[in-house]
Amino acid sequence: MKITKICCIGAGYVGGPTMAVIAQKCPHIQVTVVDLNEQRIADWNNPDPEKIPIYEPGLSEIVAEARGRNLFFSTDVDNAIDEAQMIFISVNTPTKTYGKGKGMAADLKYIELCARQIARVAKQNKIVVEKSTLPVRTAEAIKSILDNTGNGVQFQILSNPEFLAEGTAVTDLLNPDRILIGGDTTPEGEEAINSLVEVYANWVSKNQILTTNVWSSELSKLTANAFLAQRISSINAMSELCEKTGADVNEVAKAIGMDSRIGPKFLKASVGFGGSCFQKDILNLVYIAKSYGLDEVSDYWEQVIIMNDHQKRRFSNKIVQTLYNTVADKKIAFLGWAFKKDTNDTRESAAIYVADDLINEQAKISVYDPKVSKNKMLSDMDYLETRTKEENLKSLNVFENAYEACKDAHAIAILTEWDEFTTYDWKKIYDSMHKPAFIFDGRNILDAKQLESIGFVYNGIGS
């Protein structure tokens, strides 16, 4: 089937950028992104490039080029489903907060709602593509819903997981390491797979498009994220040992990263990983392993999460211990709130949990982040439900620039590796602070010797 109309349900961090790139590279295909969140759709349609809901370098330019030509954002979900030949499902799959699997299993209620809506609306054969990160064999459940509650039309279910890193999502989409497509091995399944292959082939070499069975595709996404998170937890575990022994974790990482069997990526010691994928996907993997009675497998992967949580607590504890075992009524400046640079995504950001620990110690937190709003930061704190909204508002102050955030602070904590932090006049910042002035580099991006020469008491991860 030659695809001329695509619908994507979900206008979030995956659906929006992915569909924008498909529309730019495939001007002959009408791409419609739908979402029930009216404000989000309005933001995507805003002609001001600064107002689109997701910050990714290069994304606003691509959206501006394709929007109104063959890229559309709408709240009319039924109409988009009806018109499309291929429907991507790109809705949230958070970790369950209730019932069986609470705290580990993926909550698939939004996936099921999408499947039931597609089944209700579709009057012609459709190809349904899983874009959300899902537990293995979810396609089986989707197909069961579609086949048993639909209007007698034929559905083919494909798995096409995303492998995007926030902050480089546009580059990852334009120049992917690989495109993975899983589907049935039947003639109809092969035809559906080929239809999606031809979409990506408009800009991706077919040598980089890998086709598998649907179960392998689903599990590959979870496995990839688990392996990447494992590397971060591994180097973070070594950072604590480095601090005890006098080794420098950056030197250790460089030494082992030069081994071609290991490589240098994801060996940056830090306060811990965040984002929407790593923790959620590993917990999902842990739950799947437990459900099959594979306790040793589940324990192995759960340790990656345990180490990550430990690193965050260790960082906040170090701040308290260094500041003479009390931060009560002391101003601690946070530089960065997003979970990584070049994104406005704060999901599972280390800053949230470090702030929570320090506020519990009665610290006053001042924050500057170039892309995250005050409302978002307060919403993140409120979501933890560890104190009232009024208490969070009183304990967390947000500033428009770093110099104001750091003025009169007792200490600074670097929580996001924004490039601009390395260009600051640190002598000016030091002069505005209480003495002694402490700096806790949770991302290992600053020059320790330079800061110490200014007068800072420098504390880097693993140094």
Protein backbone atom coordinates (compact mmCIF):
# COMPACT_ATOMS: atom_id res chain seq x y z
CA MET A 1 0.00 0.00 0.00
CA LYS A 2 1.36 3.41 -0.94
CA ILE A 3 0.84 5.70 2.03
CA THR A 4 -0.54 9.20 1.35
CA LYS A 5 -2.24 9.98 4.66
CA ILE A 6 -0.84 9.44 8.15
CA CYS A 7 -2.43 10.17 11.51
CA CYS A 8 -0.54 10.27 14.81
CA ILE A 9 -2.47 10.08 18.07
CA GLY A 10 -0.43 11.98 20.64
CA ALA A 11 1.31 15.34 20.19
CA GLY A 12 3.99 14.90 22.83
CA TYR A 13 7.77 14.52 22.88
CA VAL A 14 7.74 11.61 20.43
CA GLY A 15 4.71 12.19 18.22
CA GLY A 16 5.29 15.89 17.53
CA PRO A 17 8.95 15.81 16.41
CA THR A 18 8.63 12.46 14.59
CA MET A 19 5.65 13.55 12.54
CA ALA A 20 7.23 16.94 11.80
CA VAL A 21 10.28 15.25 10.27
CA ILE A 22 8.15 12.75 8.32
CA ALA A 23 6.11 15.65 6.93
CA GLN A 24 9.22 17.61 5.98
CA LYS A 25 10.84 14.64 4.24
CA CYS A 26 7.64 13.33 2.65
CA PRO A 27 5.78 16.34 1.19
CA HIS A 28 3.54 13.93 -0.74
CA ILE A 29 2.14 12.53 2.54
CA GLN A 30 -0.49 14.37 4.56
CA VAL A 31 0.48 14.09 8.23
CA THR A 32 -2.07 14.96 10.92
CA VAL A 33 -1.12 14.98 14.61
CA VAL A 34 -4.09 14.79 16.97
CA ASP A 35 -4.42 15.21 20.71
CA LEU A 36 -7.31 15.81 23.11
CA ASN A 37 -5.28 18.49 24.91
CA GLU A 38 -6.58 21.65 23.27
CA GLN A 39 -3.85 23.89 24.69
CA ARG A 40 -1.11 21.61 23.39
CA ILE A 41 -2.57 21.64 19.88
CA ALA A 42 -2.97 25.43 20.05
CA ASP A 43 0.71 25.69 21.02
CA TRP A 44 1.77 23.52 18.07
CA ASN A 45 -0.26 25.80 15.78
CA ASN A 46 1.17 29.00 17.26
CA PRO A 47 3.04 30.93 14.53
CA ASP A 48 5.62 32.09 17.11
CA PRO A 49 8.37 29.44 16.93
CA GLU A 50 9.20 30.05 20.59
CA LYS A 51 5.70 28.98 21.62
CA ILE A 52 5.60 25.40 20.34
CA PRO A 53 5.30 23.11 23.38
CA ILE A 54 8.55 21.19 22.94
CA TYR A 55 12.00 22.69 22.82
CA GLU A 56 14.42 20.76 20.62
CA PRO A 57 17.20 22.40 18.59
CA GLY A 58 16.01 22.70 14.98
CA LEU A 59 12.45 21.56 15.62
CA SER A 60 10.69 24.92 15.30
CA GLU A 61 12.20 25.47 11.84
CA ILE A 62 10.99 22.09 10.60
CA VAL A 63 7.51 22.64 12.01
CA ALA A 64 7.32 26.11 10.41
CA GLU A 65 8.32 24.68 7.01
CA ALA A 66 5.79 21.84 6.93
CA ARG A 67 2.86 23.14 9.00
CA GLY A 68 -0.06 24.15 6.81
CA ARG A 69 1.49 22.44 3.77
CA ASN A 70 1.22 18.78 4.70
CA LEU A 71 1.61 18.90 8.50
CA PHE A 72 -1.50 19.59 10.58
CA PHE A 73 -2.27 19.65 14.30
CA SER A 74 -5.85 19.03 15.36
CA THR A 75 -8.15 17.93 18.19
CA ASP A 76 -10.49 16.16 15.72
CA VAL A 77 -9.27 12.65 16.44
CA ASP A 78 -12.12 10.76 14.79
CA ASN A 79 -11.76 12.54 11.45
CA ALA A 80 -7.99 12.01 11.37
CA ILE A 81 -8.42 8.30 12.11
CA ASP A 82 -11.10 7.97 9.44
CA GLU A 83 -8.95 9.58 6.72
CA ALA A 84 -5.61 7.94 7.51
CA GLN A 85 -4.25 4.76 5.99
CA MET A 86 -1.58 4.50 8.68
CA ILE A 87 -2.16 5.44 12.32
CA PHE A 88 0.71 5.95 14.78
CA ILE A 89 -0.08 5.55 18.48
CA SER A 90 2.21 7.84 20.45
CA VAL A 91 0.50 8.36 23.78
CA ASN A 92 1.93 8.26 27.27
CA THR A 93 2.62 4.88 28.90
CA PRO A 94 3.51 5.85 32.48
CA THR A 95 4.39 3.46 35.25
CA LYS A 96 1.26 2.21 37.05
CA THR A 97 0.43 3.97 40.29
CA TYR A 98 -2.33 1.54 41.29
CA GLY A 99 -3.29 -2.14 41.35
CA LYS A 100 -1.27 -5.08 40.13
CA GLY A 101 2.19 -4.06 39.00
CA LYS A 102 2.01 -0.72 40.87
CA GLY A 103 5.34 1.08 40.68
CA MET A 104 6.73 -1.16 37.92
CA ALA A 105 4.36 -2.20 35.14
CA ALA A 106 3.45 0.12 32.28
CA ASP A 107 -0.02 1.64 32.50
CA LEU A 108 -1.61 0.82 29.15
CA LYS A 109 -5.00 2.47 29.67
CA TYR A 110 -4.26 5.19 27.10
CA ILE A 111 -3.12 2.58 24.57
CA GLU A 112 -6.34 0.65 25.07
CA LEU A 113 -8.45 3.79 24.70
CA CYS A 114 -6.69 4.55 21.40
CA ALA A 115 -7.26 1.01 20.13
CA ARG A 116 -10.96 1.15 21.00
CA GLN A 117 -11.36 4.54 19.33
CA ILE A 118 -9.63 3.31 16.17
CA ALA A 119 -11.85 0.21 16.14
CA ARG A 120 -14.98 2.32 16.55
CA VAL A 121 -14.12 4.86 13.84
CA ALA A 122 -12.32 2.85 11.15
CA LYS A 123 -14.42 1.87 8.15
CA GLN A 124 -11.49 0.80 5.93
CA ASN A 125 -8.41 -1.34 6.42
CA LYS A 126 -5.73 0.37 8.53
CA ILE A 127 -2.10 -0.08 9.50
CA VAL A 128 -1.65 0.70 13.20
CA VAL A 129 1.87 1.53 14.35
CA GLU A 130 3.01 1.33 17.98
CA LYS A 131 5.30 4.32 18.51
CA SER A 132 4.97 4.49 22.30
CA THR A 133 7.39 2.38 24.32
CA LEU A 134 5.41 -0.71 25.26
CA PRO A 135 5.94 -4.01 27.07
CA VAL A 136 6.55 -7.02 24.87
CA ARG A 137 3.39 -8.59 23.40
CA THR A 138 1.29 -5.40 23.69
CA ALA A 139 0.65 -5.64 19.93
CA GLU A 140 -1.23 -8.86 20.62
CA ALA A 141 -3.61 -7.03 22.98
CA ILE A 142 -4.10 -4.15 20.54
CA LYS A 143 -4.91 -6.56 17.71
CA SER A 144 -7.38 -8.44 19.91
CA ILE A 145 -9.24 -5.21 20.68
CA LEU A 146 -9.24 -4.07 17.04
CA ASP A 147 -10.36 -7.43 15.65
CA ASN A 148 -13.09 -8.03 18.21
CA THR A 149 -14.62 -4.58 18.64
CA GLY A 150 -14.22 -3.10 15.17
CA ASN A 151 -16.40 -2.83 12.09
CA GLY A 152 -15.07 -5.90 10.31
CA VAL A 153 -12.13 -4.10 8.68
CA GLN A 154 -8.63 -5.59 8.63
CA PHE A 155 -5.87 -4.19 10.83
CA GLN A 156 -2.14 -4.79 10.67
CA ILE A 157 -0.17 -3.96 13.80
CA LEU A 158 3.44 -2.79 13.51
CA SER A 159 5.96 -1.96 16.21
CA ASN A 160 8.18 1.01 15.34
CA PRO A 161 9.89 2.12 18.57
CA GLU A 162 11.64 5.48 18.74
CA PHE A 163 15.32 5.73 19.66
CA LEU A 164 15.47 9.47 20.25
CA ALA A 165 17.61 11.26 22.78
CA GLU A 166 16.00 14.44 24.02
CA GLY A 167 18.15 17.41 23.12
CA THR A 168 19.24 15.73 19.87
CA ALA A 169 15.86 14.39 18.74
CA VAL A 170 15.85 16.21 15.40
CA THR A 171 19.36 15.01 14.54
CA ASP A 172 18.39 11.49 15.62
CA LEU A 173 15.35 11.59 13.34
CA LEU A 174 17.19 13.01 10.35
CA ASN A 175 20.22 10.72 10.73
CA PRO A 176 19.13 7.65 12.69
CA ASP A 177 21.44 4.83 13.69
CA ARG A 178 18.66 2.50 12.59
CA ILE A 179 14.93 2.35 12.02
CA LEU A 180 13.32 -0.71 13.61
CA ILE A 181 10.02 -2.08 12.29
CA GLY A 182 8.39 -5.21 13.62
CA GLY A 183 5.34 -6.94 12.21
CA ASP A 184 3.66 -10.23 11.40
CA THR A 185 5.40 -12.69 9.11
CA THR A 186 2.19 -13.22 7.10
CA PRO A 187 1.93 -11.83 3.54
CA GLU A 188 -0.35 -9.07 4.86
CA GLY A 189 2.10 -8.31 7.65
CA GLU A 190 5.02 -8.14 5.23
CA GLU A 191 3.06 -5.76 3.01
CA ALA A 192 2.34 -3.49 5.98
CA ILE A 193 6.00 -3.54 7.01
CA ASN A 194 7.03 -2.60 3.49
CA SER A 195 4.56 0.31 3.48
CA LEU A 196 6.28 1.83 6.51
CA VAL A 197 9.74 1.02 5.13
CA GLU A 198 8.90 3.07 2.03
CA VAL A 199 7.91 6.06 4.17
CA TYR A 200 11.27 6.12 5.96
CA ALA A 201 13.15 5.32 2.74
CA ASN A 202 12.41 8.88 1.58
CA TRP A 203 15.44 9.94 3.62
CA VAL A 204 16.90 6.86 5.35
CA SER A 205 19.00 4.25 3.55
CA LYS A 206 17.25 0.88 3.46
CA ASN A 207 20.44 -0.64 4.86
CA GLN A 208 19.60 1.18 8.10
CA ILE A 209 16.01 -0.05 8.23
CA LEU A 210 15.81 -3.27 10.25
CA THR A 211 12.71 -5.45 10.09
CA THR A 212 11.90 -8.07 12.72
CA ASN A 213 8.96 -9.88 14.21
CA VAL A 214 6.80 -7.63 16.35
CA TRP A 215 7.89 -9.15 19.68
CA SER A 216 11.59 -8.57 18.99
CA SER A 217 10.89 -4.97 18.05
CA GLU A 218 8.96 -4.28 21.25
CA LEU A 219 11.60 -5.85 23.48
CA SER A 220 14.51 -4.17 21.66
CA LYS A 221 13.40 -0.71 22.81
CA LEU A 222 13.26 -1.72 26.48
CA THR A 223 16.61 -3.48 26.16
CA ALA A 224 18.32 -0.51 24.52
CA ASN A 225 17.23 1.88 27.28
CA ALA A 226 18.15 -0.63 29.98
CA PHE A 227 21.67 -1.03 28.58
CA LEU A 228 22.21 2.74 28.35
CA ALA A 229 20.93 3.35 31.87
CA GLN A 230 23.09 0.49 33.13
CA ARG A 231 26.22 2.26 31.84
CA ILE A 232 25.27 5.45 33.67
CA SER A 233 24.62 3.63 36.94
CA SER A 234 27.88 1.71 36.51
CA ILE A 235 30.03 4.83 36.20
CA ASN A 236 28.08 6.52 39.00
CA ALA A 237 28.80 3.54 41.26
CA MET A 238 32.49 3.96 40.45
CA SER A 239 32.29 7.70 41.18
CA GLU A 240 31.57 6.97 44.83
CA LEU A 241 34.54 4.61 45.01
CA CYS A 242 36.70 7.26 43.33
CA GLU A 243 35.80 9.80 45.99
CA LYS A 244 36.83 7.36 48.73
CA THR A 245 40.12 6.32 47.12
CA GLY A 246 41.38 9.57 45.61
CA ALA A 247 40.88 8.45 42.00
CA ASP A 248 39.29 10.87 39.50
CA VAL A 249 36.19 9.40 37.87
CA ASN A 250 36.68 11.53 34.75
CA GLU A 251 40.14 10.05 34.27
CA VAL A 252 38.80 6.54 34.90
CA ALA A 253 35.99 7.10 32.38
CA LYS A 254 38.43 8.38 29.76
CA ALA A 255 40.73 5.40 30.30
CA ILE A 256 38.05 2.76 29.92
CA GLY A 257 36.22 4.68 27.19
CA MET A 258 39.26 4.40 24.94
CA ASP A 259 38.77 0.62 24.96
CA SER A 260 37.06 -0.09 21.63
CA ARG A 261 35.01 -2.83 23.29
CA ILE A 262 33.50 -0.30 25.72
CA GLY A 263 33.53 3.10 23.99
CA PRO A 264 33.15 6.55 25.58
CA LYS A 265 29.40 7.16 25.39
CA PHE A 266 27.20 7.20 28.52
CA LEU A 267 30.24 7.16 30.82
CA LYS A 268 29.76 10.67 32.21
CA ALA A 269 29.46 10.50 36.00
CA SER A 270 26.61 12.69 37.22
CA VAL A 271 23.92 13.17 39.83
CA GLY A 272 21.88 10.54 37.99
CA PHE A 273 19.79 9.93 34.88
CA GLY A 274 16.28 11.27 34.40
CA GLY A 275 13.84 11.65 31.54
CA SER A 276 10.69 9.85 30.54
CA CYS A 277 12.23 6.57 29.38
CA PHE A 278 15.08 5.05 31.35
CA GLN A 279 13.46 4.51 34.75
CA LYS A 280 10.03 3.69 33.33
CA ASP A 281 11.40 1.19 30.82
CA ILE A 282 13.70 -0.57 33.29
CA LEU A 283 10.88 -0.91 35.82
CA ASN A 284 8.75 -2.32 33.00
CA LEU A 285 11.52 -4.81 32.19
CA VAL A 286 11.78 -5.73 35.88
CA TYR A 287 8.04 -6.37 36.04
CA ILE A 288 8.04 -8.50 32.89
CA ALA A 289 10.91 -10.60 34.26
CA LYS A 290 9.12 -11.03 37.60
CA SER A 291 5.90 -12.04 35.86
CA TYR A 292 7.78 -14.92 34.19
CA GLY A 293 9.39 -15.94 37.50
CA LEU A 294 12.84 -14.71 36.42
CA ASP A 295 13.80 -13.27 39.81
CA GLU A 296 17.55 -13.13 39.16
CA VAL A 297 16.95 -11.22 35.93
CA SER A 298 14.57 -8.77 37.59
CA ASP A 299 16.93 -8.23 40.55
CA TYR A 300 19.81 -7.49 38.16
CA TRP A 301 17.96 -4.75 36.29
CA GLU A 302 16.31 -3.32 39.41
CA GLN A 303 19.77 -2.60 40.80
CA VAL A 304 20.28 -0.05 37.99
CA ILE A 305 17.36 1.96 39.42
CA ILE A 306 18.53 1.49 43.00
CA MET A 307 21.96 2.86 42.10
CA ASN A 308 20.42 5.86 40.33
CA ASP A 309 18.24 6.72 43.32
CA HIS A 310 21.24 6.31 45.62
CA GLN A 311 23.28 8.77 43.53
CA LYS A 312 20.62 11.47 43.88
CA ARG A 313 20.36 10.99 47.65
CA ARG A 314 24.14 10.91 47.95
CA PHE A 315 24.38 14.24 46.15
CA SER A 316 21.85 15.99 48.41
CA ASN A 317 23.42 14.40 51.51
CA LYS A 318 26.84 15.68 50.44
CA ILE A 319 25.48 19.22 50.20
CA VAL A 320 24.09 19.02 53.74
CA GLN A 321 27.23 17.43 55.19
CA THR A 322 29.56 19.92 53.50
CA LEU A 323 27.54 22.88 54.74
CA TYR A 324 28.29 21.87 58.34
CA ASN A 325 25.44 19.36 58.55
CA THR A 326 22.70 21.97 58.27
CA VAL A 327 21.10 23.85 55.40
CA ALA A 328 18.21 25.23 57.41
CA ASP A 329 17.34 28.73 56.14
CA LYS A 330 20.36 28.64 53.79
CA LYS A 331 19.92 29.62 50.17
CA ILE A 332 20.99 26.89 47.73
CA ALA A 333 21.07 27.95 44.08
CA PHE A 334 20.17 25.37 41.45
CA LEU A 335 21.51 25.93 37.95
CA GLY A 336 19.33 23.76 35.76
CA TRP A 337 16.02 21.96 36.28
CA ALA A 338 15.54 20.06 32.98
CA PHE A 339 16.76 16.49 33.16
CA LYS A 340 19.39 17.26 30.47
CA LYS A 341 20.47 20.16 28.31
CA ASP A 342 18.71 21.27 25.11
CA THR A 343 15.27 20.17 26.27
CA ASN A 344 12.50 21.60 28.42
CA ASP A 345 11.52 18.12 29.63
CA THR A 346 11.72 17.72 33.41
CA ARG A 347 10.33 14.23 33.85
CA GLU A 348 12.29 12.32 36.52
CA SER A 349 14.86 15.13 36.62
CA ALA A 350 17.40 14.75 39.41
CA ALA A 351 16.77 18.40 40.33
CA ILE A 352 13.27 17.56 41.56
CA TYR A 353 14.46 14.95 44.03
CA VAL A 354 17.51 16.88 45.23
CA ALA A 355 15.27 19.91 45.82
CA ASP A 356 12.80 17.75 47.73
CA ASP A 357 15.56 16.41 50.00
CA LEU A 358 16.97 19.87 50.70
CA ILE A 359 13.57 21.46 51.34
CA ASN A 360 12.97 18.67 53.85
CA GLU A 361 16.11 20.02 55.53
CA GLN A 362 14.49 23.49 55.51
CA ALA A 363 16.76 24.92 52.80
CA LYS A 364 15.62 27.79 50.56
CA ILE A 365 16.01 26.79 46.90
CA SER A 366 16.56 29.34 44.13
CA VAL A 367 16.49 28.06 40.56
CA TYR A 368 17.48 29.22 37.10
CA ASP A 369 16.89 27.16 33.96
CA PRO A 370 16.92 28.74 30.48
CA LYS A 371 13.97 26.69 29.16
CA VAL A 372 11.86 25.53 32.12
CA SER A 373 9.13 27.80 33.51
CA LYS A 374 8.39 28.51 37.16
CA ASN A 375 4.96 26.91 36.82
CA LYS A 376 6.52 23.71 35.54
CA MET A 377 9.02 23.56 38.41
CA LEU A 378 6.30 24.07 41.01
CA SER A 379 4.11 21.49 39.27
CA ASP A 380 6.98 18.99 39.47
CA MET A 381 7.31 19.59 43.20
CA ASP A 382 3.57 19.41 43.78
CA TYR A 383 3.44 16.07 41.93
CA LEU A 384 5.63 14.50 44.65
CA GLU A 385 2.90 15.27 47.20
CA THR A 386 5.45 15.57 50.01
CA ARG A 387 4.19 18.99 51.10
CA THR A 388 1.46 21.50 50.30
CA LYS A 389 1.50 23.79 47.27
CA GLU A 390 1.87 26.75 49.59
CA GLU A 391 4.94 25.20 51.22
CA ASN A 392 6.54 24.52 47.84
CA LEU A 393 5.82 28.06 46.70
CA LYS A 394 7.47 29.40 49.84
CA SER A 395 10.56 27.17 49.57
CA LEU A 396 11.26 27.37 45.81
CA ASN A 397 12.08 30.66 44.10
CA VAL A 398 12.66 30.89 40.35
CA PHE A 399 14.82 33.56 38.69
CA GLU A 400 15.20 34.88 35.16
CA ASN A 401 19.00 34.72 35.21
CA ALA A 402 21.72 32.76 36.97
CA TYR A 403 23.40 35.75 38.58
CA GLU A 404 20.25 36.68 40.51
CA ALA A 405 19.64 33.06 41.47
CA CYS A 406 23.16 32.78 42.92
CA LYS A 407 23.23 36.14 44.72
CA ASP A 408 23.53 35.70 48.51
CA ALA A 409 23.52 31.89 48.10
CA HIS A 410 25.53 29.68 50.43
CA ALA A 411 26.05 27.07 47.72
CA ILE A 412 25.39 26.33 44.05
CA ALA A 413 24.32 22.96 42.64
CA ILE A 414 24.70 22.28 38.90
CA LEU A 415 21.79 20.01 37.99
CA THR A 416 21.69 20.33 34.18
CA GLU A 417 24.66 20.49 31.80
CA TRP A 418 23.54 23.61 29.89
CA ASP A 419 26.45 24.91 27.80
CA GLU A 420 25.89 28.49 28.97
CA PHE A 421 26.90 27.58 32.53
CA THR A 422 30.50 27.11 31.40
CA THR A 423 30.66 30.68 30.03
CA TYR A 424 29.64 32.58 33.17
CA ASP A 425 31.73 35.14 35.04
CA TRP A 426 32.25 32.89 38.03
CA LYS A 427 34.31 35.50 39.87
CA LYS A 428 31.30 37.83 39.77
CA ILE A 429 29.05 35.03 41.05
CA TYR A 430 31.52 34.17 43.83
CA ASP A 431 31.71 37.78 44.99
CA SER A 432 27.91 37.91 45.37
CA MET A 433 27.69 34.81 47.60
CA HIS A 434 28.04 34.03 51.29
CA LYS A 435 31.54 32.85 52.26
CA PRO A 436 32.76 30.21 52.20
CA ALA A 437 31.07 29.66 48.83
CA PHE A 438 30.50 26.06 47.85
CA ILE A 439 29.78 24.67 44.39
CA PHE A 440 28.47 21.15 43.76
CA ASP A 441 28.94 20.15 40.14
CA GLY A 442 26.37 17.42 39.63
CA ARG A 443 27.16 17.19 35.91
CA ASN A 444 30.97 17.53 35.92
CA ILE A 445 30.98 20.37 33.38
CA LEU A 446 33.01 23.05 35.18
CA ASP A 447 36.76 23.59 35.53
CA ALA A 448 37.55 22.66 39.14
CA LYS A 449 40.98 24.31 39.24
CA GLN A 450 39.65 27.58 37.87
CA LEU A 451 36.82 27.67 40.40
CA GLU A 452 39.15 26.83 43.28
CA SER A 453 41.52 29.61 42.20
CA ILE A 454 38.60 32.06 42.48
CA GLY A 455 37.86 30.84 46.00
CA PHE A 456 35.06 28.32 45.58
CA VAL A 457 35.05 25.13 47.58
CA TYR A 458 34.54 22.78 44.63
CA ASN A 459 32.70 19.44 44.89
CA GLY A 460 32.43 17.47 41.67
CA ILE A 461 30.95 14.02 41.24
CA GLY A 462 33.71 11.45 41.73
CA SER A 463 36.49 13.94 42.36
